[in-house]
Each structure stands twice: as C-alpha cells, then as structure tokens.
Amino acid sequence: RALSTVLRILRLEEAGLLPPAENSPFMVWTEDMPIAGYVASLDVKQSAQQVVTGLLLEALSPFRVLQVYRAEQFQIPKDASSMMFRCSDYLTELVSGVLGKGLD
C-alpha cells in the first residue's frame, strides 16, 4: 500500500497534485530575502521534480532495499496460498510503476 502511494506521488500531475499549467508562474512573498517583502516567482514544477528525485533515490537506496529484504526474511506465510511481499516484488513494482508509463 505504501509503495502504491509513492508511485502515485511520482506522477504529480497525473495524480492532480500540481496546479494547472495556466496558473503558472506563481508569485510568492518572502521575508527571508535581503530586501523585506521581496516578491519572486516560484517554479513549482522544478520543486516537485526535486521531491520526485528524492523519493526515487530513497526508494532505491541500499538501506531501503536491504530493509525490504530483511523484512522478507521474517515473513511467515499462514498457508501455502498466502502471498508474501518479497524484495523482488518491491523492485518489480517500483520499476514497472516508474518505467511502465515513462517519466516526464
């Protein structure tokens, strides 16, 4: 379930998580700039792409893959027809979820 949520987030526009392109560029008011009340344009698409990149890096990090693999070692199927979530399932779902439709 968590992996399907991550895959949905990787496709921000398709999931309706980005504002429509006609609402761009966005103007933001910030007080952190050297000039008080500085108005700047915010590139939402670039910020979103950075989030997507971070999610992919985390999902494919050696730590995360090892964590999934170790969790697989502790799963005990209740019966022979029980489905276990294996590390290979994780990687297959991740790759097919990302590359299945291609990346923007």
N, C-alpha and C. Protein backbone atom coordinates (compact mmCIF):
# COMPACT_ATOMS: atom_id res chain seq x y z
N ARG A 1 0.82 -1.19 0.00
CA ARG A 1 0.00 0.00 0.00
C ARG A 1 0.87 1.26 0.00
N ALA A 2 1.92 1.27 0.80
CA ALA A 2 2.81 2.43 0.85
C ALA A 2 3.50 2.64 -0.49
N LEU A 3 3.91 1.56 -1.12
CA LEU A 3 4.58 1.67 -2.41
C LEU A 3 3.65 2.24 -3.47
N SER A 4 2.39 1.87 -3.46
CA SER A 4 1.45 2.42 -4.44
C SER A 4 1.25 3.91 -4.22
N THR A 5 1.31 4.36 -2.98
CA THR A 5 1.21 5.79 -2.68
C THR A 5 2.43 6.53 -3.20
N VAL A 6 3.61 5.96 -3.00
CA VAL A 6 4.84 6.58 -3.52
C VAL A 6 4.78 6.66 -5.04
N LEU A 7 4.33 5.59 -5.68
CA LEU A 7 4.23 5.59 -7.14
C LEU A 7 3.24 6.65 -7.63
N ARG A 8 2.18 6.85 -6.89
CA ARG A 8 1.20 7.89 -7.24
C ARG A 8 1.84 9.27 -7.12
N ILE A 9 2.61 9.48 -6.08
CA ILE A 9 3.26 10.78 -5.86
C ILE A 9 4.31 11.05 -6.95
N LEU A 10 4.92 10.00 -7.47
CA LEU A 10 5.92 10.19 -8.52
C LEU A 10 5.30 10.78 -9.78
N ARG A 11 4.01 10.64 -9.94
CA ARG A 11 3.30 11.22 -11.09
C ARG A 11 2.39 12.33 -10.59
N LEU A 12 3.00 13.42 -10.18
CA LEU A 12 2.29 14.52 -9.52
C LEU A 12 1.16 15.10 -10.36
N GLU A 13 1.43 15.36 -11.63
CA GLU A 13 0.39 15.97 -12.48
C GLU A 13 -0.77 15.01 -12.68
N GLU A 14 -0.45 13.76 -13.00
CA GLU A 14 -1.49 12.75 -13.23
C GLU A 14 -2.34 12.54 -11.98
N ALA A 15 -1.72 12.65 -10.82
CA ALA A 15 -2.43 12.45 -9.55
C ALA A 15 -3.19 13.71 -9.12
N GLY A 16 -3.05 14.79 -9.90
CA GLY A 16 -3.74 16.02 -9.56
C GLY A 16 -3.11 16.77 -8.40
N LEU A 17 -1.81 16.53 -8.18
CA LEU A 17 -1.12 17.16 -7.05
C LEU A 17 -0.38 18.44 -7.43
N LEU A 18 -0.44 18.80 -8.70
CA LEU A 18 0.16 20.07 -9.15
C LEU A 18 -0.94 20.97 -9.68
N PRO A 19 -0.78 22.27 -9.49
CA PRO A 19 -1.77 23.19 -10.06
C PRO A 19 -1.69 23.18 -11.59
N PRO A 20 -2.77 23.54 -12.25
CA PRO A 20 -2.75 23.56 -13.72
C PRO A 20 -1.70 24.52 -14.26
N ALA A 21 -1.17 24.19 -15.43
CA ALA A 21 -0.10 24.99 -16.04
C ALA A 21 -0.52 26.44 -16.27
N GLU A 22 -1.81 26.67 -16.52
CA GLU A 22 -2.25 28.05 -16.79
C GLU A 22 -2.15 28.95 -15.55
N ASN A 23 -1.99 28.36 -14.38
CA ASN A 23 -1.83 29.15 -13.16
C ASN A 23 -0.37 29.51 -12.89
N SER A 24 0.50 29.20 -13.82
CA SER A 24 1.93 29.44 -13.64
C SER A 24 2.28 30.76 -14.31
N PRO A 25 3.25 31.51 -13.94
CA PRO A 25 4.14 31.32 -12.80
C PRO A 25 3.47 31.79 -11.51
N PHE A 26 3.96 31.30 -10.43
CA PHE A 26 3.41 31.66 -9.14
C PHE A 26 4.27 32.74 -8.51
N MET A 27 3.62 33.70 -7.94
CA MET A 27 4.35 34.76 -7.25
C MET A 27 4.25 34.50 -5.76
N VAL A 28 5.37 34.58 -5.10
CA VAL A 28 5.39 34.35 -3.66
C VAL A 28 6.02 35.54 -2.96
N TRP A 29 5.59 35.75 -1.76
CA TRP A 29 6.09 36.84 -0.94
C TRP A 29 6.98 36.23 0.12
N THR A 30 8.17 36.70 0.23
CA THR A 30 9.07 36.14 1.23
C THR A 30 9.74 37.24 2.02
N GLU A 31 9.97 36.98 3.24
CA GLU A 31 10.68 37.93 4.09
C GLU A 31 12.08 37.45 4.39
N ASP A 32 12.48 36.33 3.78
CA ASP A 32 13.80 35.77 4.02
C ASP A 32 14.87 36.35 3.10
N MET A 33 14.46 37.13 2.13
CA MET A 33 15.40 37.70 1.18
C MET A 33 16.04 38.96 1.79
N PRO A 34 17.13 39.42 1.18
CA PRO A 34 17.80 40.62 1.72
C PRO A 34 16.89 41.85 1.75
N ILE A 35 15.95 41.91 0.82
CA ILE A 35 15.02 43.05 0.78
C ILE A 35 13.70 42.59 1.39
N ALA A 36 13.24 43.26 2.42
CA ALA A 36 11.99 42.86 3.08
C ALA A 36 10.83 42.95 2.09
N GLY A 37 10.00 41.94 2.08
CA GLY A 37 8.84 41.93 1.20
C GLY A 37 9.19 41.64 -0.24
N TYR A 38 10.26 40.94 -0.49
CA TYR A 38 10.71 40.60 -1.84
C TYR A 38 9.69 39.68 -2.51
N VAL A 39 9.32 39.98 -3.74
CA VAL A 39 8.39 39.15 -4.50
C VAL A 39 9.20 38.38 -5.54
N ALA A 40 8.97 37.08 -5.59
CA ALA A 40 9.72 36.24 -6.53
C ALA A 40 8.78 35.24 -7.18
N SER A 41 9.23 34.69 -8.29
CA SER A 41 8.47 33.66 -8.98
C SER A 41 8.92 32.30 -8.43
N LEU A 42 7.98 31.41 -8.22
CA LEU A 42 8.27 30.08 -7.70
C LEU A 42 8.05 29.06 -8.81
N ASP A 43 9.06 28.28 -9.10
CA ASP A 43 8.94 27.23 -10.12
C ASP A 43 8.46 25.96 -9.43
N VAL A 44 7.14 25.78 -9.39
CA VAL A 44 6.52 24.65 -8.70
C VAL A 44 6.94 23.34 -9.34
N LYS A 45 7.00 23.30 -10.66
CA LYS A 45 7.35 22.06 -11.36
C LYS A 45 8.76 21.60 -11.00
N GLN A 46 9.70 22.54 -10.92
CA GLN A 46 11.07 22.19 -10.55
C GLN A 46 11.13 21.71 -9.10
N SER A 47 10.41 22.37 -8.22
CA SER A 47 10.37 21.94 -6.82
C SER A 47 9.77 20.54 -6.71
N ALA A 48 8.73 20.28 -7.46
CA ALA A 48 8.09 18.96 -7.45
C ALA A 48 9.04 17.90 -8.00
N GLN A 49 9.78 18.25 -9.04
CA GLN A 49 10.74 17.30 -9.62
C GLN A 49 11.83 16.94 -8.61
N GLN A 50 12.22 17.90 -7.79
CA GLN A 50 13.21 17.62 -6.75
C GLN A 50 12.65 16.64 -5.72
N VAL A 51 11.37 16.77 -5.39
CA VAL A 51 10.72 15.85 -4.46
C VAL A 51 10.68 14.45 -5.07
N VAL A 52 10.30 14.34 -6.34
CA VAL A 52 10.24 13.06 -7.03
C VAL A 52 11.62 12.40 -7.07
N THR A 53 12.64 13.16 -7.39
CA THR A 53 14.00 12.64 -7.42
C THR A 53 14.41 12.11 -6.05
N GLY A 54 14.09 12.86 -5.01
CA GLY A 54 14.41 12.43 -3.65
C GLY A 54 13.70 11.14 -3.27
N LEU A 55 12.43 11.02 -3.67
CA LEU A 55 11.67 9.80 -3.39
C LEU A 55 12.27 8.59 -4.09
N LEU A 56 12.65 8.77 -5.35
CA LEU A 56 13.26 7.66 -6.09
C LEU A 56 14.60 7.27 -5.49
N LEU A 57 15.40 8.26 -5.14
CA LEU A 57 16.69 7.96 -4.51
C LEU A 57 16.51 7.19 -3.21
N GLU A 58 15.54 7.60 -2.42
CA GLU A 58 15.27 6.92 -1.15
C GLU A 58 14.73 5.51 -1.39
N ALA A 59 13.81 5.36 -2.32
CA ALA A 59 13.20 4.05 -2.58
C ALA A 59 14.22 3.04 -3.10
N LEU A 60 15.24 3.53 -3.81
CA LEU A 60 16.25 2.64 -4.38
C LEU A 60 17.56 2.63 -3.60
N SER A 61 17.59 3.31 -2.48
CA SER A 61 18.82 3.36 -1.69
C SER A 61 19.16 1.97 -1.15
N PRO A 62 20.43 1.68 -0.99
CA PRO A 62 20.82 0.38 -0.43
C PRO A 62 20.16 0.12 0.93
N PHE A 63 20.03 1.14 1.75
CA PHE A 63 19.40 0.98 3.06
C PHE A 63 17.96 0.51 2.92
N ARG A 64 17.17 1.13 2.03
CA ARG A 64 15.76 0.79 1.88
C ARG A 64 15.59 -0.62 1.28
N VAL A 65 16.39 -0.93 0.26
CA VAL A 65 16.28 -2.25 -0.37
C VAL A 65 16.67 -3.33 0.64
N LEU A 66 17.71 -3.09 1.43
CA LEU A 66 18.11 -4.05 2.46
C LEU A 66 17.03 -4.18 3.53
N GLN A 67 16.38 -3.08 3.86
CA GLN A 67 15.29 -3.11 4.84
C GLN A 67 14.14 -3.99 4.34
N VAL A 68 13.78 -3.85 3.08
CA VAL A 68 12.71 -4.67 2.49
C VAL A 68 13.14 -6.13 2.46
N TYR A 69 14.39 -6.37 2.09
CA TYR A 69 14.90 -7.74 2.04
C TYR A 69 14.87 -8.38 3.43
N ARG A 70 15.31 -7.66 4.43
CA ARG A 70 15.31 -8.21 5.80
C ARG A 70 13.89 -8.46 6.30
N ALA A 71 12.97 -7.60 5.96
CA ALA A 71 11.57 -7.80 6.36
C ALA A 71 11.02 -9.08 5.72
N GLU A 72 11.45 -9.35 4.50
CA GLU A 72 11.02 -10.57 3.81
C GLU A 72 11.46 -11.81 4.58
N GLN A 73 12.63 -11.76 5.19
CA GLN A 73 13.17 -12.91 5.91
C GLN A 73 12.33 -13.27 7.14
N PHE A 74 11.58 -12.28 7.67
CA PHE A 74 10.79 -12.51 8.88
C PHE A 74 9.33 -12.83 8.60
N GLN A 75 8.93 -12.79 7.33
CA GLN A 75 7.54 -13.09 7.00
C GLN A 75 7.32 -14.59 7.02
N ILE A 76 6.27 -14.99 7.67
CA ILE A 76 5.91 -16.40 7.71
C ILE A 76 4.53 -16.54 7.07
N PRO A 77 4.46 -17.23 5.93
CA PRO A 77 3.15 -17.38 5.29
C PRO A 77 2.22 -18.21 6.16
N LYS A 78 0.96 -17.80 6.22
CA LYS A 78 -0.04 -18.51 7.04
C LYS A 78 -0.39 -19.86 6.42
N ASP A 79 -0.35 -19.90 5.09
CA ASP A 79 -0.58 -21.17 4.39
C ASP A 79 0.11 -21.08 3.03
N ALA A 80 0.06 -22.15 2.29
CA ALA A 80 0.79 -22.21 1.01
C ALA A 80 0.27 -21.20 -0.01
N SER A 81 -1.00 -20.83 0.08
CA SER A 81 -1.56 -19.88 -0.89
C SER A 81 -1.33 -18.43 -0.47
N SER A 82 -0.76 -18.23 0.68
CA SER A 82 -0.50 -16.88 1.21
C SER A 82 0.55 -16.17 0.36
N MET A 83 0.29 -14.91 0.06
CA MET A 83 1.23 -14.12 -0.73
C MET A 83 2.19 -13.38 0.20
N MET A 84 3.47 -13.53 -0.06
CA MET A 84 4.49 -12.81 0.69
C MET A 84 4.97 -11.66 -0.18
N PHE A 85 5.29 -10.55 0.45
CA PHE A 85 5.85 -9.42 -0.28
C PHE A 85 7.36 -9.54 -0.22
N ARG A 86 7.94 -9.91 -1.32
CA ARG A 86 9.38 -10.15 -1.38
C ARG A 86 10.10 -8.91 -1.90
N CYS A 87 11.39 -8.90 -1.70
CA CYS A 87 12.22 -7.81 -2.21
C CYS A 87 12.10 -7.72 -3.73
N SER A 88 12.02 -8.86 -4.38
CA SER A 88 11.87 -8.87 -5.84
C SER A 88 10.54 -8.24 -6.25
N ASP A 89 9.48 -8.44 -5.44
CA ASP A 89 8.18 -7.81 -5.70
C ASP A 89 8.30 -6.30 -5.58
N TYR A 90 9.00 -5.87 -4.55
CA TYR A 90 9.21 -4.43 -4.32
C TYR A 90 9.89 -3.79 -5.52
N LEU A 91 11.00 -4.40 -5.95
CA LEU A 91 11.75 -3.84 -7.07
C LEU A 91 10.96 -3.91 -8.37
N THR A 92 10.24 -5.00 -8.58
CA THR A 92 9.42 -5.15 -9.79
C THR A 92 8.32 -4.09 -9.84
N GLU A 93 7.61 -3.92 -8.72
CA GLU A 93 6.54 -2.90 -8.67
C GLU A 93 7.09 -1.50 -8.86
N LEU A 94 8.23 -1.24 -8.24
CA LEU A 94 8.83 0.08 -8.35
C LEU A 94 9.25 0.37 -9.79
N VAL A 95 9.95 -0.57 -10.39
CA VAL A 95 10.41 -0.36 -11.78
C VAL A 95 9.24 -0.28 -12.74
N SER A 96 8.27 -1.18 -12.63
CA SER A 96 7.14 -1.13 -13.55
C SER A 96 6.28 0.10 -13.30
N GLY A 97 6.18 0.54 -12.05
CA GLY A 97 5.41 1.74 -11.74
C GLY A 97 6.06 3.01 -12.28
N VAL A 98 7.38 3.02 -12.30
CA VAL A 98 8.10 4.21 -12.80
C VAL A 98 8.27 4.15 -14.30
N LEU A 99 8.73 3.03 -14.80
CA LEU A 99 9.03 2.92 -16.23
C LEU A 99 7.84 2.46 -17.06
N GLY A 100 6.82 1.93 -16.40
CA GLY A 100 5.65 1.45 -17.13
C GLY A 100 5.02 2.53 -17.98
N LYS A 101 4.95 3.73 -17.47
CA LYS A 101 4.37 4.84 -18.22
C LYS A 101 5.43 5.83 -18.66
N GLY A 102 6.66 5.61 -18.25
CA GLY A 102 7.75 6.53 -18.59
C GLY A 102 7.75 7.70 -17.62
N LEU A 103 8.87 8.33 -17.51
CA LEU A 103 8.99 9.51 -16.65
C LEU A 103 8.88 10.77 -17.48
N ASP A 104 8.34 11.81 -16.89
CA ASP A 104 8.22 13.09 -17.59
C ASP A 104 9.56 13.79 -17.64
